[in-house]
Amino acid sequence: MASILRGSYSSIVEVYRNTKGMLNGAPSYSFQPLTTIIDSTYLVPGQMACRLDLGWLKPGAQAPEPVEAGMPMPRVGTLFFDLLDDGTMPLLANDHLKVLSGPITGIFQLRIIPEPAQDIIGIALHAEVQVVEVSIATLGVFPGVEVI
């Protein structure tokens, strides 16, 4: 169902989900694009319209990533998106989002379970979740670091 935030959705993302398998007797994990409709207005399999806000974290519920030595700070923000028409959540924790168009570029990961944002009487209007950039090019950022 389209939320009142739909007009502010400026990004199109492709959703990748973790698939597990076996490779020569060892567990194998890879991310594959979804093939189902996850946005009941956009209607492109595996893609959805959303808003990525890298300048806002929900106070008290989301926190910036800790600083790691030798690593640039990842971009952290909030993803706003619509629920499906039947009210189910189209995204899961650990999904990866590849931004196809919009003002923000990159690959982001949902590290926590998305939660619906409800109005005063308990009707879910949209969903939101903290996202963290997982694909960071470090070439030239630190001496001696090369990207393969």
Protein backbone atom coordinates (compact mmCIF):
# COMPACT_ATOMS: atom_id res chain seq x y z
CA MET A 1 0.00 0.00 0.00
CA ALA A 2 1.32 3.43 -0.90
CA SER A 3 2.20 5.57 2.08
CA ILE A 4 2.02 9.32 2.48
CA LEU A 5 5.83 9.35 2.16
CA ARG A 6 5.64 7.94 -1.39
CA GLY A 7 6.16 11.41 -2.89
CA SER A 8 9.54 11.72 -1.17
CA TYR A 9 10.89 8.39 -2.47
CA SER A 10 13.78 9.46 -4.69
CA SER A 11 15.76 6.23 -5.01
CA ILE A 12 15.23 2.94 -6.85
CA VAL A 13 17.00 -0.03 -5.27
CA GLU A 14 17.47 -3.66 -6.23
CA VAL A 15 17.15 -6.07 -3.31
CA TYR A 16 19.54 -8.99 -2.86
CA ARG A 17 18.79 -11.77 -0.37
CA ASN A 18 21.25 -14.20 1.20
CA THR A 19 20.98 -17.70 -0.24
CA LYS A 20 22.60 -20.69 1.41
CA GLY A 21 23.88 -23.78 -0.31
CA MET A 22 26.59 -26.41 -0.27
CA LEU A 23 29.79 -26.26 -2.32
CA ASN A 24 31.98 -29.38 -2.15
CA GLY A 25 30.54 -30.23 1.25
CA ALA A 26 31.06 -26.77 2.74
CA PRO A 27 28.36 -24.18 3.34
CA SER A 28 28.21 -21.49 0.70
CA TYR A 29 26.56 -18.08 1.06
CA SER A 30 25.78 -15.68 -1.75
CA PHE A 31 23.43 -12.81 -2.41
CA GLN A 32 20.95 -13.23 -5.26
CA PRO A 33 18.49 -10.62 -6.56
CA LEU A 34 14.86 -11.19 -5.63
CA THR A 35 12.53 -12.26 -8.43
CA THR A 36 9.24 -11.36 -6.77
CA ILE A 37 7.32 -8.08 -6.74
CA ILE A 38 8.26 -6.24 -3.54
CA ASP A 39 6.77 -2.83 -4.37
CA SER A 40 3.08 -2.95 -5.25
CA THR A 41 3.26 0.44 -6.97
CA TYR A 42 6.58 0.17 -8.85
CA LEU A 43 5.85 -3.41 -10.09
CA VAL A 44 9.38 -4.36 -11.17
CA PRO A 45 10.52 -7.74 -9.78
CA GLY A 46 13.20 -7.36 -7.11
CA GLN A 47 13.18 -3.55 -7.21
CA MET A 48 11.47 -0.93 -5.10
CA ALA A 49 11.15 2.81 -4.71
CA CYS A 50 12.35 4.13 -1.36
CA ARG A 51 13.96 7.00 0.46
CA LEU A 52 17.50 6.68 1.75
CA ASP A 53 18.22 9.32 4.36
CA LEU A 54 21.88 9.16 5.35
CA GLY A 55 21.63 12.17 7.59
CA TRP A 56 19.00 10.90 10.02
CA LEU A 57 19.02 8.17 12.65
CA LYS A 58 16.03 7.48 14.89
CA PRO A 59 16.94 8.89 18.32
CA GLY A 60 17.22 6.19 20.96
CA ALA A 61 16.72 3.31 18.54
CA GLN A 62 19.56 3.59 16.05
CA ALA A 63 23.22 4.30 16.63
CA PRO A 64 26.13 5.12 14.34
CA GLU A 65 28.63 2.38 13.59
CA PRO A 66 31.71 2.23 15.85
CA VAL A 67 35.00 3.50 14.50
CA GLU A 68 37.37 0.80 13.22
CA ALA A 69 41.10 1.36 12.90
CA GLY A 70 42.26 1.52 9.29
CA MET A 71 38.74 1.74 7.85
CA PRO A 72 36.83 4.74 6.58
CA MET A 73 33.59 5.49 8.40
CA PRO A 74 30.66 3.74 6.73
CA ARG A 75 27.67 5.79 5.72
CA VAL A 76 24.78 5.04 8.07
CA GLY A 77 21.20 6.19 7.71
CA THR A 78 17.54 5.25 7.57
CA LEU A 79 15.62 3.59 4.75
CA PHE A 80 11.93 4.44 4.35
CA PHE A 81 9.78 2.14 2.17
CA ASP A 82 6.22 0.89 1.70
CA LEU A 83 4.73 -2.33 2.99
CA LEU A 84 3.06 -4.70 0.54
CA ASP A 85 -0.70 -4.38 -0.08
CA ASP A 86 -1.46 -7.19 2.38
CA GLY A 87 0.59 -5.42 5.08
CA THR A 88 3.56 -7.80 5.00
CA MET A 89 7.16 -6.65 5.19
CA PRO A 90 9.00 -7.01 1.85
CA LEU A 91 12.50 -6.75 3.36
CA LEU A 92 14.33 -8.88 5.91
CA ALA A 93 17.36 -8.31 8.10
CA ASN A 94 20.63 -8.95 6.21
CA ASP A 95 19.14 -7.99 2.82
CA HIS A 96 21.47 -5.95 0.62
CA LEU A 97 20.25 -2.98 -1.40
CA LYS A 98 22.01 -1.88 -4.56
CA VAL A 99 21.01 1.68 -5.43
CA LEU A 100 20.13 1.85 -9.14
CA SER A 101 19.05 5.48 -9.35
CA GLY A 102 18.63 8.49 -7.14
CA PRO A 103 20.80 11.01 -5.34
CA ILE A 104 22.68 8.35 -3.31
CA THR A 105 24.88 5.59 -4.71
CA GLY A 106 26.26 2.47 -3.07
CA ILE A 107 25.37 -0.91 -1.63
CA PHE A 108 23.70 -0.95 1.78
CA GLN A 109 22.85 -3.70 4.26
CA LEU A 110 19.89 -3.98 6.62
CA ARG A 111 21.50 -5.15 9.86
CA ILE A 112 18.34 -5.13 11.94
CA ILE A 113 14.74 -6.21 11.35
CA PRO A 114 12.66 -3.50 9.61
CA GLU A 115 9.79 -2.18 11.68
CA PRO A 116 6.51 -0.64 10.58
CA ALA A 117 5.85 2.98 11.46
CA GLN A 118 2.33 3.13 12.90
CA ASP A 119 -0.06 6.00 13.26
CA ILE A 120 -1.86 6.87 16.49
CA ILE A 121 -4.47 4.09 16.08
CA GLY A 122 -1.96 1.38 15.14
CA ILE A 123 -2.22 1.29 11.33
CA ALA A 124 1.14 0.77 9.64
CA LEU A 125 1.81 3.65 7.24
CA HIS A 126 5.27 2.69 6.02
CA ALA A 127 8.36 0.87 7.27
CA GLU A 128 11.80 2.06 8.25
CA VAL A 129 15.11 0.45 9.08
CA GLN A 130 18.71 1.45 9.72
CA VAL A 131 21.06 0.78 6.78
CA VAL A 132 24.86 0.66 6.67
CA GLU A 133 27.00 0.94 3.57
CA VAL A 134 28.92 -2.29 2.99
CA SER A 135 30.75 -1.53 -0.23
CA ILE A 136 33.38 1.10 0.42
CA ALA A 137 36.28 1.81 -1.92
CA THR A 138 39.37 2.51 0.16
CA LEU A 139 41.79 3.23 -2.71
CA GLY A 140 43.84 6.27 -1.79
CA VAL A 141 42.09 6.79 1.55
CA PHE A 142 44.83 5.13 3.61
CA PRO A 143 48.46 4.63 2.50
CA GLY A 144 49.18 1.09 1.38
CA VAL A 145 45.54 0.04 1.07
CA GLU A 146 44.56 -1.37 -2.32
CA VAL A 147 41.20 -2.56 -3.60
CA ILE A 148 41.27 -5.91 -5.38
